[in-house]
N, C-alpha and C. Protein backbone atom coordinates (compact mmCIF):
# COMPACT_ATOMS: atom_id res chain seq x y z
N UNK A 1 0.83 -1.21 0.00
CA UNK A 1 0.00 0.00 0.00
C UNK A 1 0.87 1.26 0.00
N UNK A 2 1.88 1.27 0.87
CA UNK A 2 2.78 2.42 0.96
C UNK A 2 3.54 2.60 -0.35
N UNK A 3 3.99 1.49 -0.93
CA UNK A 3 4.73 1.56 -2.18
C UNK A 3 3.84 2.10 -3.30
N UNK A 4 2.59 1.66 -3.34
CA UNK A 4 1.66 2.10 -4.38
C UNK A 4 1.41 3.60 -4.29
N UNK A 5 1.20 4.09 -3.07
CA UNK A 5 0.97 5.52 -2.86
C UNK A 5 2.21 6.32 -3.25
N UNK A 6 3.37 5.80 -2.89
CA UNK A 6 4.63 6.46 -3.23
C UNK A 6 4.81 6.57 -4.74
N UNK A 7 4.55 5.48 -5.44
CA UNK A 7 4.68 5.49 -6.90
C UNK A 7 3.68 6.43 -7.55
N UNK A 8 2.48 6.49 -7.00
CA UNK A 8 1.48 7.41 -7.54
C UNK A 8 1.93 8.85 -7.37
N UNK A 9 2.47 9.17 -6.20
CA UNK A 9 2.96 10.52 -5.94
C UNK A 9 4.11 10.87 -6.87
N UNK A 10 5.06 9.94 -7.03
CA UNK A 10 6.20 10.17 -7.92
C UNK A 10 5.73 10.37 -9.35
N UNK A 11 4.78 9.55 -9.79
CA UNK A 11 4.27 9.64 -11.15
C UNK A 11 3.62 10.99 -11.43
N UNK A 12 2.77 11.43 -10.52
CA UNK A 12 2.07 12.70 -10.71
C UNK A 12 3.04 13.88 -10.67
N UNK A 13 3.92 13.89 -9.67
CA UNK A 13 4.88 14.99 -9.54
C UNK A 13 5.81 15.05 -10.76
N UNK A 14 6.30 13.91 -11.19
CA UNK A 14 7.21 13.85 -12.34
C UNK A 14 6.51 14.31 -13.61
N UNK A 15 5.28 13.87 -13.78
CA UNK A 15 4.52 14.26 -14.97
C UNK A 15 4.28 15.77 -15.00
N UNK A 16 3.88 16.33 -13.88
CA UNK A 16 3.60 17.77 -13.80
C UNK A 16 4.86 18.59 -14.07
N UNK A 17 5.96 18.22 -13.43
CA UNK A 17 7.21 18.94 -13.64
C UNK A 17 7.74 18.73 -15.05
N UNK A 18 7.55 17.53 -15.57
CA UNK A 18 8.00 17.24 -16.93
C UNK A 18 7.28 18.08 -17.97
N UNK A 19 6.08 18.54 -17.63
CA UNK A 19 5.30 19.35 -18.55
C UNK A 19 5.78 20.78 -18.69
N UNK A 20 6.67 21.21 -17.82
CA UNK A 20 7.25 22.56 -17.94
C UNK A 20 8.14 22.58 -19.17
N UNK A 21 7.86 23.47 -20.11
CA UNK A 21 8.56 23.45 -21.39
C UNK A 21 9.46 24.68 -21.55
N UNK A 22 10.76 24.43 -21.56
CA UNK A 22 11.72 25.52 -21.65
C UNK A 22 11.63 26.30 -22.96
N UNK A 23 11.38 25.60 -24.07
CA UNK A 23 11.32 26.26 -25.37
C UNK A 23 10.14 27.22 -25.46
N UNK A 24 8.99 26.80 -24.95
CA UNK A 24 7.81 27.66 -24.97
C UNK A 24 8.02 28.87 -24.07
N UNK A 25 8.54 28.62 -22.88
CA UNK A 25 8.76 29.69 -21.91
C UNK A 25 9.72 30.74 -22.47
N UNK A 26 10.85 30.29 -23.01
CA UNK A 26 11.88 31.23 -23.47
C UNK A 26 11.47 31.94 -24.76
N UNK A 27 10.74 31.27 -25.64
CA UNK A 27 10.31 31.93 -26.87
C UNK A 27 9.33 33.06 -26.57
N UNK A 28 8.47 32.83 -25.57
CA UNK A 28 7.51 33.86 -25.20
C UNK A 28 8.17 34.97 -24.39
N UNK A 29 9.09 34.58 -23.51
CA UNK A 29 9.73 35.55 -22.62
C UNK A 29 10.74 36.43 -23.36
N UNK A 30 11.54 35.83 -24.21
CA UNK A 30 12.63 36.56 -24.85
C UNK A 30 12.26 37.14 -26.22
N UNK A 31 11.39 36.46 -26.94
CA UNK A 31 11.11 36.89 -28.32
C UNK A 31 9.65 37.26 -28.55
N UNK A 32 8.83 37.11 -27.51
CA UNK A 32 7.40 37.43 -27.60
C UNK A 32 6.75 36.67 -28.76
N UNK A 33 7.19 35.44 -28.95
CA UNK A 33 6.66 34.56 -29.97
C UNK A 33 6.35 33.21 -29.35
N UNK A 34 5.72 32.35 -30.11
CA UNK A 34 5.42 31.00 -29.67
C UNK A 34 6.18 30.04 -30.56
N UNK A 35 7.13 29.30 -30.00
CA UNK A 35 7.96 28.39 -30.76
C UNK A 35 7.12 27.36 -31.50
N UNK A 36 5.91 27.12 -31.02
CA UNK A 36 5.01 26.16 -31.67
C UNK A 36 4.46 26.67 -33.00
N UNK A 37 4.78 27.92 -33.33
CA UNK A 37 4.35 28.49 -34.60
C UNK A 37 5.54 28.85 -35.49
N UNK A 38 6.71 28.33 -35.14
CA UNK A 38 7.92 28.62 -35.92
C UNK A 38 8.68 27.34 -36.23
N UNK A 39 9.43 27.38 -37.32
CA UNK A 39 10.24 26.22 -37.70
C UNK A 39 9.40 24.99 -37.93
N UNK A 40 9.73 23.91 -37.22
CA UNK A 40 8.98 22.66 -37.34
C UNK A 40 7.75 22.64 -36.44
N UNK A 41 7.55 23.71 -35.69
CA UNK A 41 6.44 23.85 -34.73
C UNK A 41 6.59 22.95 -33.50
N UNK A 42 7.72 22.31 -33.37
CA UNK A 42 7.94 21.43 -32.22
C UNK A 42 8.53 22.23 -31.06
N UNK A 43 7.91 22.17 -29.88
CA UNK A 43 8.41 22.93 -28.73
C UNK A 43 9.57 22.23 -28.02
N UNK A 44 10.68 22.12 -28.72
CA UNK A 44 11.84 21.45 -28.15
C UNK A 44 13.11 22.22 -28.41
N UNK A 45 14.20 21.76 -27.82
CA UNK A 45 15.49 22.45 -27.91
C UNK A 45 15.98 22.55 -29.35
N UNK A 46 15.86 21.47 -30.11
CA UNK A 46 16.38 21.46 -31.48
C UNK A 46 15.70 22.51 -32.34
N UNK A 47 14.38 22.58 -32.28
CA UNK A 47 13.66 23.57 -33.07
C UNK A 47 13.94 24.98 -32.57
N UNK A 48 14.05 25.15 -31.27
CA UNK A 48 14.37 26.47 -30.70
C UNK A 48 15.73 26.94 -31.21
N UNK A 49 16.70 26.05 -31.18
CA UNK A 49 18.04 26.39 -31.65
C UNK A 49 18.03 26.70 -33.13
N UNK A 50 17.25 25.94 -33.88
CA UNK A 50 17.17 26.13 -35.33
C UNK A 50 16.56 27.50 -35.68
N UNK A 51 15.57 27.90 -34.89
CA UNK A 51 14.86 29.16 -35.16
C UNK A 51 15.64 30.37 -34.64
N UNK A 52 16.13 30.30 -33.41
CA UNK A 52 16.74 31.47 -32.78
C UNK A 52 18.26 31.43 -32.68
N UNK A 53 18.85 30.29 -33.02
CA UNK A 53 20.30 30.18 -32.96
C UNK A 53 20.77 29.59 -31.64
N UNK A 54 22.02 29.16 -31.64
CA UNK A 54 22.60 28.56 -30.44
C UNK A 54 23.16 29.66 -29.55
N UNK A 55 22.27 30.34 -28.84
CA UNK A 55 22.64 31.46 -27.99
C UNK A 55 22.30 31.17 -26.53
N UNK A 56 22.37 32.19 -25.70
CA UNK A 56 22.10 32.01 -24.27
C UNK A 56 20.68 31.51 -24.02
N UNK A 57 19.74 31.97 -24.82
CA UNK A 57 18.35 31.52 -24.67
C UNK A 57 18.23 30.03 -24.94
N UNK A 58 18.93 29.55 -25.97
CA UNK A 58 18.87 28.14 -26.32
C UNK A 58 19.48 27.28 -25.20
N UNK A 59 20.60 27.74 -24.64
CA UNK A 59 21.21 27.00 -23.54
C UNK A 59 20.32 27.00 -22.31
N UNK A 60 19.57 28.08 -22.12
CA UNK A 60 18.62 28.14 -21.00
C UNK A 60 17.50 27.13 -21.19
N UNK A 61 17.03 27.00 -22.43
CA UNK A 61 16.01 25.99 -22.75
C UNK A 61 16.53 24.60 -22.38
N UNK A 62 17.75 24.32 -22.79
CA UNK A 62 18.36 23.02 -22.50
C UNK A 62 18.47 22.80 -21.00
N UNK A 63 18.88 23.84 -20.27
CA UNK A 63 19.05 23.74 -18.82
C UNK A 63 17.71 23.48 -18.13
N UNK A 64 16.67 24.18 -18.56
CA UNK A 64 15.34 23.98 -17.98
C UNK A 64 14.87 22.55 -18.20
N UNK A 65 15.03 22.06 -19.42
CA UNK A 65 14.55 20.72 -19.74
C UNK A 65 15.35 19.63 -19.02
N UNK A 66 16.61 19.90 -18.74
CA UNK A 66 17.41 18.93 -17.98
C UNK A 66 17.03 18.95 -16.50
N UNK A 67 16.94 20.15 -15.93
CA UNK A 67 16.67 20.26 -14.50
C UNK A 67 15.27 19.78 -14.12
N UNK A 68 14.29 20.06 -14.97
CA UNK A 68 12.91 19.65 -14.64
C UNK A 68 12.80 18.13 -14.58
N UNK A 69 13.74 17.44 -15.24
CA UNK A 69 13.77 15.97 -15.20
C UNK A 69 14.72 15.46 -14.13
N UNK A 70 15.91 16.03 -14.10
CA UNK A 70 16.94 15.53 -13.19
C UNK A 70 16.53 15.63 -11.73
N UNK A 71 15.86 16.73 -11.35
CA UNK A 71 15.50 16.91 -9.95
C UNK A 71 14.51 15.86 -9.45
N UNK A 72 13.36 15.64 -10.11
CA UNK A 72 12.47 14.59 -9.64
C UNK A 72 13.06 13.19 -9.78
N UNK A 73 13.85 12.97 -10.81
CA UNK A 73 14.47 11.65 -10.98
C UNK A 73 15.47 11.37 -9.86
N UNK A 74 16.28 12.36 -9.52
CA UNK A 74 17.24 12.20 -8.44
C UNK A 74 16.52 11.98 -7.11
N UNK A 75 15.48 12.77 -6.86
CA UNK A 75 14.72 12.64 -5.61
C UNK A 75 14.08 11.25 -5.51
N UNK A 76 13.50 10.79 -6.61
CA UNK A 76 12.86 9.47 -6.61
C UNK A 76 13.89 8.36 -6.40
N UNK A 77 15.05 8.52 -7.03
CA UNK A 77 16.10 7.53 -6.88
C UNK A 77 16.57 7.42 -5.43
N UNK A 78 16.78 8.57 -4.79
CA UNK A 78 17.24 8.58 -3.39
C UNK A 78 16.18 8.01 -2.47
N UNK A 79 14.94 8.47 -2.64
CA UNK A 79 13.85 8.03 -1.76
C UNK A 79 13.57 6.54 -1.92
N UNK A 80 13.43 6.09 -3.17
CA UNK A 80 13.13 4.69 -3.41
C UNK A 80 14.30 3.79 -3.00
N UNK A 81 15.50 4.29 -3.16
CA UNK A 81 16.66 3.52 -2.75
C UNK A 81 16.75 3.38 -1.24
N UNK A 82 16.41 4.44 -0.52
CA UNK A 82 16.52 4.43 0.94
C UNK A 82 15.43 3.58 1.60
N UNK A 83 14.20 3.72 1.14
CA UNK A 83 13.08 3.05 1.81
C UNK A 83 12.70 1.70 1.19
N UNK A 84 13.00 1.49 -0.08
CA UNK A 84 12.56 0.25 -0.73
C UNK A 84 13.70 -0.50 -1.44
N UNK A 85 14.92 0.04 -1.38
CA UNK A 85 16.07 -0.56 -2.05
C UNK A 85 15.78 -0.71 -3.55
N UNK A 86 15.20 0.34 -4.13
CA UNK A 86 14.82 0.32 -5.55
C UNK A 86 15.24 1.62 -6.23
N UNK A 87 16.48 2.02 -6.01
CA UNK A 87 16.96 3.30 -6.53
C UNK A 87 16.92 3.35 -8.05
N UNK A 88 17.40 2.30 -8.70
CA UNK A 88 17.43 2.29 -10.16
C UNK A 88 16.01 2.32 -10.74
N UNK A 89 15.12 1.56 -10.13
CA UNK A 89 13.73 1.57 -10.58
C UNK A 89 13.10 2.94 -10.37
N UNK A 90 13.37 3.55 -9.22
CA UNK A 90 12.81 4.88 -8.93
C UNK A 90 13.23 5.91 -9.95
N UNK A 91 14.50 5.87 -10.35
CA UNK A 91 15.01 6.81 -11.35
C UNK A 91 14.33 6.61 -12.69
N UNK A 92 14.25 5.35 -13.13
CA UNK A 92 13.65 5.08 -14.44
C UNK A 92 12.15 5.35 -14.45
N UNK A 93 11.49 5.07 -13.35
CA UNK A 93 10.05 5.30 -13.23
C UNK A 93 9.74 6.79 -13.29
N UNK A 94 10.44 7.57 -12.48
CA UNK A 94 10.22 9.03 -12.48
C UNK A 94 10.58 9.62 -13.84
N UNK A 95 11.67 9.13 -14.43
CA UNK A 95 12.10 9.65 -15.72
C UNK A 95 11.08 9.42 -16.81
N UNK A 96 10.46 8.25 -16.82
CA UNK A 96 9.45 7.96 -17.84
C UNK A 96 8.27 8.91 -17.73
N UNK A 97 7.86 9.22 -16.51
CA UNK A 97 6.72 10.11 -16.33
C UNK A 97 7.10 11.57 -16.62
N UNK A 98 8.36 11.93 -16.41
CA UNK A 98 8.81 13.25 -16.84
C UNK A 98 8.76 13.35 -18.36
N UNK A 99 9.15 12.28 -19.03
CA UNK A 99 9.10 12.24 -20.48
C UNK A 99 7.66 12.34 -20.99
N UNK A 100 6.76 11.62 -20.33
CA UNK A 100 5.34 11.69 -20.71
C UNK A 100 4.81 13.11 -20.50
N UNK A 101 5.24 13.75 -19.41
CA UNK A 101 4.82 15.12 -19.15
C UNK A 101 5.33 16.07 -20.21
N UNK A 102 6.55 15.83 -20.68
CA UNK A 102 7.13 16.67 -21.73
C UNK A 102 6.39 16.48 -23.06
N UNK A 103 6.03 15.25 -23.36
CA UNK A 103 5.34 14.94 -24.62
C UNK A 103 3.88 15.38 -24.60
N UNK A 104 3.24 15.17 -23.45
CA UNK A 104 1.81 15.46 -23.34
C UNK A 104 1.54 16.34 -22.11
N UNK A 105 2.02 17.58 -22.15
CA UNK A 105 1.93 18.46 -20.98
C UNK A 105 0.53 18.97 -20.69
N UNK A 106 0.14 18.88 -19.46
CA UNK A 106 -1.17 19.39 -19.05
C UNK A 106 -1.21 20.91 -19.18
N UNK A 107 -0.04 21.56 -19.11
CA UNK A 107 0.04 23.02 -19.17
C UNK A 107 -0.22 23.56 -20.57
N UNK A 108 0.00 22.75 -21.59
CA UNK A 108 -0.06 23.25 -22.96
C UNK A 108 -0.99 22.41 -23.85
N UNK A 109 -2.12 22.01 -23.30
CA UNK A 109 -3.09 21.27 -24.09
C UNK A 109 -2.62 19.90 -24.53
N UNK A 110 -1.72 19.29 -23.76
CA UNK A 110 -1.20 17.95 -24.03
C UNK A 110 -0.44 17.85 -25.36
N UNK A 111 0.10 18.99 -25.82
CA UNK A 111 0.88 19.01 -27.05
C UNK A 111 2.29 19.50 -26.72
N UNK A 112 3.23 18.57 -26.68
CA UNK A 112 4.58 18.92 -26.27
C UNK A 112 5.65 18.44 -27.22
N UNK A 113 6.83 18.23 -26.68
CA UNK A 113 7.99 17.89 -27.48
C UNK A 113 8.19 16.39 -27.65
N UNK A 114 9.46 16.01 -27.88
CA UNK A 114 9.76 14.62 -28.24
C UNK A 114 10.52 13.86 -27.17
N UNK A 115 10.84 14.51 -26.06
CA UNK A 115 11.32 13.86 -24.84
C UNK A 115 12.76 13.34 -24.88
N UNK A 116 13.52 13.66 -25.91
CA UNK A 116 14.89 13.13 -25.93
C UNK A 116 15.74 13.71 -24.81
N UNK A 117 15.64 15.03 -24.59
CA UNK A 117 16.43 15.66 -23.53
C UNK A 117 16.01 15.12 -22.16
N UNK A 118 14.71 14.95 -21.96
CA UNK A 118 14.22 14.39 -20.70
C UNK A 118 14.76 12.97 -20.51
N UNK A 119 14.77 12.21 -21.58
CA UNK A 119 15.31 10.86 -21.50
C UNK A 119 16.80 10.86 -21.22
N UNK A 120 17.51 11.79 -21.85
CA UNK A 120 18.95 11.91 -21.64
C UNK A 120 19.25 12.25 -20.17
N UNK A 121 18.44 13.15 -19.59
CA UNK A 121 18.64 13.54 -18.20
C UNK A 121 18.34 12.38 -17.26
N UNK A 122 17.46 11.48 -17.67
CA UNK A 122 17.06 10.34 -16.84
C UNK A 122 18.14 9.29 -16.75
N UNK A 123 18.71 8.92 -17.89
CA UNK A 123 19.57 7.74 -17.92
C UNK A 123 20.84 7.88 -17.09
N UNK A 124 21.27 9.11 -16.80
CA UNK A 124 22.43 9.30 -15.93
C UNK A 124 22.21 8.69 -14.55
N UNK A 125 20.95 8.69 -14.09
CA UNK A 125 20.65 8.20 -12.75
C UNK A 125 20.24 6.73 -12.75
N UNK A 126 20.13 6.15 -13.94
CA UNK A 126 19.79 4.73 -14.05
C UNK A 126 21.06 3.89 -14.13
N UNK A 127 21.93 4.24 -15.07
CA UNK A 127 23.22 3.54 -15.21
C UNK A 127 24.16 4.42 -16.02
N UNK A 128 25.22 4.90 -15.40
CA UNK A 128 26.12 5.83 -16.08
C UNK A 128 26.83 5.17 -17.26
N UNK A 129 27.03 3.86 -17.20
CA UNK A 129 27.68 3.15 -18.31
C UNK A 129 26.77 3.15 -19.54
N UNK A 130 25.49 2.91 -19.31
CA UNK A 130 24.51 2.97 -20.39
C UNK A 130 24.49 4.36 -21.00
N UNK A 131 24.62 5.37 -20.17
CA UNK A 131 24.60 6.75 -20.63
C UNK A 131 25.80 7.05 -21.53
N UNK A 132 26.97 6.60 -21.14
CA UNK A 132 28.17 6.84 -21.95
C UNK A 132 28.06 6.16 -23.31
N UNK A 133 27.49 4.97 -23.34
CA UNK A 133 27.30 4.26 -24.61
C UNK A 133 26.33 5.04 -25.50
N UNK A 134 25.22 5.48 -24.89
CA UNK A 134 24.22 6.23 -25.65
C UNK A 134 24.79 7.55 -26.17
N UNK A 135 25.59 8.23 -25.34
CA UNK A 135 26.20 9.49 -25.77
C UNK A 135 27.16 9.28 -26.93
N UNK A 136 27.95 8.23 -26.86
CA UNK A 136 28.91 7.94 -27.92
C UNK A 136 28.17 7.70 -29.24
N UNK A 137 27.11 6.93 -29.18
CA UNK A 137 26.32 6.65 -30.38
C UNK A 137 25.67 7.92 -30.91
N UNK A 138 25.12 8.71 -30.00
CA UNK A 138 24.43 9.94 -30.39
C UNK A 138 25.36 10.90 -31.13
N UNK A 139 26.50 11.21 -30.54
CA UNK A 139 27.41 12.18 -31.14
C UNK A 139 28.06 11.65 -32.41
N UNK A 140 28.34 10.35 -32.45
CA UNK A 140 28.91 9.76 -33.65
C UNK A 140 27.96 9.92 -34.84
N UNK A 141 26.69 9.60 -34.62
CA UNK A 141 25.71 9.70 -35.70
C UNK A 141 25.37 11.15 -36.03
N UNK A 142 25.32 11.99 -35.00
CA UNK A 142 24.96 13.39 -35.21
C UNK A 142 25.98 14.09 -36.11
N UNK A 143 27.26 13.84 -35.86
CA UNK A 143 28.29 14.56 -36.60
C UNK A 143 28.75 13.83 -37.87
N UNK A 144 28.19 12.67 -38.13
CA UNK A 144 28.48 11.98 -39.40
C UNK A 144 27.28 12.08 -40.33
N UNK A 145 26.11 11.68 -39.85
CA UNK A 145 24.90 11.72 -40.69
C UNK A 145 24.23 13.09 -40.69
N UNK A 146 24.46 13.86 -39.60
CA UNK A 146 23.91 15.22 -39.47
C UNK A 146 22.40 15.27 -39.23
N UNK A 147 21.79 14.13 -38.89
CA UNK A 147 20.36 14.13 -38.63
C UNK A 147 20.11 13.92 -37.13
N UNK A 148 19.56 14.95 -36.47
CA UNK A 148 19.30 14.87 -35.04
C UNK A 148 18.33 13.75 -34.72
N UNK A 149 17.31 13.56 -35.56
CA UNK A 149 16.30 12.54 -35.31
C UNK A 149 16.90 11.14 -35.31
N UNK A 150 17.76 10.86 -36.29
CA UNK A 150 18.39 9.54 -36.38
C UNK A 150 19.30 9.30 -35.19
N UNK A 151 20.09 10.31 -34.84
CA UNK A 151 21.00 10.19 -33.70
C UNK A 151 20.23 9.99 -32.40
N UNK A 152 19.17 10.75 -32.22
CA UNK A 152 18.38 10.67 -30.99
C UNK A 152 17.71 9.32 -30.83
N UNK A 153 17.06 8.86 -31.89
CA UNK A 153 16.32 7.60 -31.81
C UNK A 153 17.25 6.39 -31.67
N UNK A 154 18.38 6.43 -32.36
CA UNK A 154 19.33 5.32 -32.25
C UNK A 154 19.94 5.26 -30.85
N UNK A 155 20.26 6.43 -30.31
CA UNK A 155 20.79 6.49 -28.94
C UNK A 155 19.75 5.99 -27.94
N UNK A 156 18.49 6.39 -28.15
CA UNK A 156 17.42 5.94 -27.26
C UNK A 156 17.26 4.43 -27.33
N UNK A 157 17.31 3.88 -28.54
CA UNK A 157 17.16 2.44 -28.72
C UNK A 157 18.31 1.67 -28.08
N UNK A 158 19.48 2.27 -28.05
CA UNK A 158 20.65 1.59 -27.47
C UNK A 158 20.52 1.41 -25.96
N UNK A 159 19.71 2.26 -25.31
CA UNK A 159 19.64 2.23 -23.85
C UNK A 159 19.11 0.91 -23.29
N UNK A 160 17.92 0.46 -23.68
CA UNK A 160 17.46 -0.82 -23.13
C UNK A 160 18.32 -2.00 -23.57
N UNK A 161 18.93 -1.89 -24.77
CA UNK A 161 19.79 -2.98 -25.24
C UNK A 161 21.05 -3.08 -24.38
N UNK A 162 21.72 -1.94 -24.17
CA UNK A 162 22.93 -1.95 -23.35
C UNK A 162 22.61 -2.27 -21.90
N UNK A 163 21.46 -1.79 -21.41
CA UNK A 163 21.08 -2.07 -20.02
C UNK A 163 20.86 -3.56 -19.81
N UNK A 164 20.34 -4.23 -20.83
CA UNK A 164 20.12 -5.67 -20.74
C UNK A 164 21.43 -6.41 -20.51
N UNK A 165 22.48 -5.99 -21.20
CA UNK A 165 23.77 -6.66 -21.06
C UNK A 165 24.57 -6.18 -19.85
N UNK A 166 24.34 -4.92 -19.45
CA UNK A 166 25.04 -4.39 -18.28
C UNK A 166 24.43 -4.89 -16.98
N UNK A 167 23.14 -5.21 -17.03
CA UNK A 167 22.44 -5.68 -15.83
C UNK A 167 21.55 -4.61 -15.24
N UNK A 168 20.46 -5.03 -14.60
CA UNK A 168 19.51 -4.11 -14.00
C UNK A 168 19.00 -4.72 -12.70
N UNK A 169 18.50 -3.87 -11.80
CA UNK A 169 18.12 -4.33 -10.46
C UNK A 169 16.90 -5.23 -10.46
N UNK A 170 15.92 -4.96 -11.33
CA UNK A 170 14.78 -5.86 -11.51
C UNK A 170 14.23 -5.68 -12.92
N UNK A 171 13.42 -6.62 -13.34
CA UNK A 171 12.97 -6.65 -14.72
C UNK A 171 12.16 -5.42 -15.11
N UNK A 172 11.51 -4.79 -14.13
CA UNK A 172 10.70 -3.61 -14.43
C UNK A 172 11.54 -2.41 -14.86
N UNK A 173 12.78 -2.39 -14.45
CA UNK A 173 13.67 -1.32 -14.92
C UNK A 173 13.88 -1.46 -16.42
N UNK A 174 14.08 -2.68 -16.87
CA UNK A 174 14.25 -2.94 -18.31
C UNK A 174 12.97 -2.63 -19.07
N UNK A 175 11.83 -3.02 -18.51
CA UNK A 175 10.55 -2.75 -19.16
C UNK A 175 10.33 -1.24 -19.31
N UNK A 176 10.61 -0.49 -18.27
CA UNK A 176 10.46 0.97 -18.32
C UNK A 176 11.45 1.59 -19.31
N UNK A 177 12.66 1.04 -19.38
CA UNK A 177 13.66 1.55 -20.33
C UNK A 177 13.19 1.32 -21.77
N UNK A 178 12.59 0.18 -22.02
CA UNK A 178 12.04 -0.11 -23.36
C UNK A 178 10.92 0.87 -23.68
N UNK A 179 10.04 1.12 -22.69
CA UNK A 179 8.92 2.04 -22.89
C UNK A 179 9.43 3.45 -23.19
N UNK A 180 10.47 3.88 -22.47
CA UNK A 180 11.04 5.22 -22.68
C UNK A 180 11.64 5.35 -24.07
N UNK A 181 12.37 4.33 -24.51
CA UNK A 181 12.96 4.36 -25.85
C UNK A 181 11.88 4.37 -26.91
N UNK A 182 10.84 3.57 -26.71
CA UNK A 182 9.73 3.51 -27.67
C UNK A 182 9.04 4.87 -27.77
N UNK A 183 8.90 5.55 -26.64
CA UNK A 183 8.25 6.86 -26.64
C UNK A 183 9.03 7.86 -27.49
N UNK A 184 10.35 7.89 -27.32
CA UNK A 184 11.19 8.79 -28.10
C UNK A 184 11.08 8.49 -29.59
N UNK A 185 11.12 7.22 -29.94
CA UNK A 185 11.06 6.82 -31.35
C UNK A 185 9.72 7.16 -31.97
N UNK A 186 8.63 6.87 -31.26
CA UNK A 186 7.29 7.17 -31.78
C UNK A 186 7.09 8.66 -31.96
N UNK A 187 7.61 9.45 -31.03
CA UNK A 187 7.45 10.90 -31.12
C UNK A 187 8.23 11.49 -32.30
N UNK A 188 9.20 10.75 -32.81
CA UNK A 188 9.97 11.22 -33.95
C UNK A 188 9.41 10.70 -35.28
N UNK A 189 8.23 10.14 -35.26
CA UNK A 189 7.63 9.61 -36.48
C UNK A 189 7.57 10.65 -37.61
N UNK A 190 7.16 11.91 -37.33
CA UNK A 190 7.15 12.91 -38.41
C UNK A 190 8.52 13.12 -39.05
N UNK A 191 9.57 12.97 -38.26
CA UNK A 191 10.92 13.14 -38.80
C UNK A 191 11.28 12.01 -39.76
N UNK A 192 10.82 10.81 -39.46
CA UNK A 192 11.08 9.68 -40.35
C UNK A 192 10.36 9.86 -41.68
N UNK A 193 9.16 10.43 -41.62
CA UNK A 193 8.42 10.72 -42.84
C UNK A 193 9.20 11.72 -43.69
N UNK A 194 9.75 12.74 -43.03
CA UNK A 194 10.55 13.74 -43.74
C UNK A 194 11.82 13.12 -44.32
N UNK A 195 12.43 12.20 -43.60
CA UNK A 195 13.62 11.53 -44.09
C UNK A 195 13.32 10.76 -45.37
N UNK A 196 12.19 10.09 -45.38
CA UNK A 196 11.80 9.31 -46.56
C UNK A 196 11.60 10.22 -47.77
N UNK A 197 11.04 11.41 -47.52
CA UNK A 197 10.76 12.35 -48.60
C UNK A 197 11.93 13.29 -48.88
N UNK A 198 13.01 13.14 -48.10
CA UNK A 198 14.20 13.96 -48.32
C UNK A 198 14.05 15.40 -47.87
N UNK A 199 13.16 15.67 -46.94
CA UNK A 199 12.93 17.05 -46.49
C UNK A 199 13.37 17.28 -45.04
N UNK A 200 13.97 16.28 -44.43
CA UNK A 200 14.41 16.42 -43.05
C UNK A 200 15.60 17.38 -42.97
N UNK A 201 15.55 18.33 -42.04
CA UNK A 201 16.63 19.29 -41.88
C UNK A 201 17.85 18.63 -41.23
N UNK A 202 19.03 19.00 -41.70
CA UNK A 202 20.25 18.49 -41.11
C UNK A 202 20.69 19.37 -39.95
N UNK A 203 21.42 18.77 -39.03
CA UNK A 203 21.89 19.49 -37.85
C UNK A 203 22.89 20.57 -38.23
N UNK A 204 22.70 21.74 -37.63
CA UNK A 204 23.60 22.85 -37.87
C UNK A 204 23.63 23.74 -36.63
N UNK A 205 24.76 24.38 -36.39
CA UNK A 205 24.85 25.29 -35.25
C UNK A 205 24.34 26.68 -35.59
N UNK A 206 23.99 26.90 -36.85
CA UNK A 206 23.53 28.21 -37.26
C UNK A 206 22.03 28.36 -37.08
N UNK A 207 21.55 29.60 -37.20
CA UNK A 207 20.14 29.91 -37.07
C UNK A 207 19.50 30.11 -38.43
N UNK A 208 18.20 29.75 -38.52
CA UNK A 208 17.46 29.97 -39.76
C UNK A 208 16.50 31.13 -39.63
N UNK A 209 16.43 31.74 -38.43
CA UNK A 209 15.42 32.77 -38.18
C UNK A 209 15.84 34.09 -38.82
């Protein structure tokens, strides 16, 4: 009973905090615009950077999206580890709900981003070795193929695969890792359509605005 109530609290808190969107906040605060009406219309770091450039505002967006995930994930990991000896599960559980909050935020009509940054912030607290593998894959593909979507989805897919071989505290950690990777991949479906049609934008540090 106590565990169920704890998980419910973690899920709700993580989802609510995950719904805070740095790109929307900064586009309205700094440029008096709505990022959802510019570029690809996606309220995420990549589109914000593409529209406004890689400046202080873009780094602030990235910081917001990392902190809104890292804080509840860290808290859940510590709490679940101390009282239930389930630190790894707590981190992955909270992280998944932060990702869901980012994708389907209650604050913005359930229309959000693609959750890659939220997922990236999560995996550090699940297994640092898995994170290093995912980072290596992400940057290798990003700077060779130049497609953020391909790099993001491949890195996300590598997480449950590497976690399986590295080991996990219980099977539900692996199940949640698979769900998180699937969420990132499904949210990038429009990008795959663009790739097929040859209209997907390549990664660049420059601005198009």
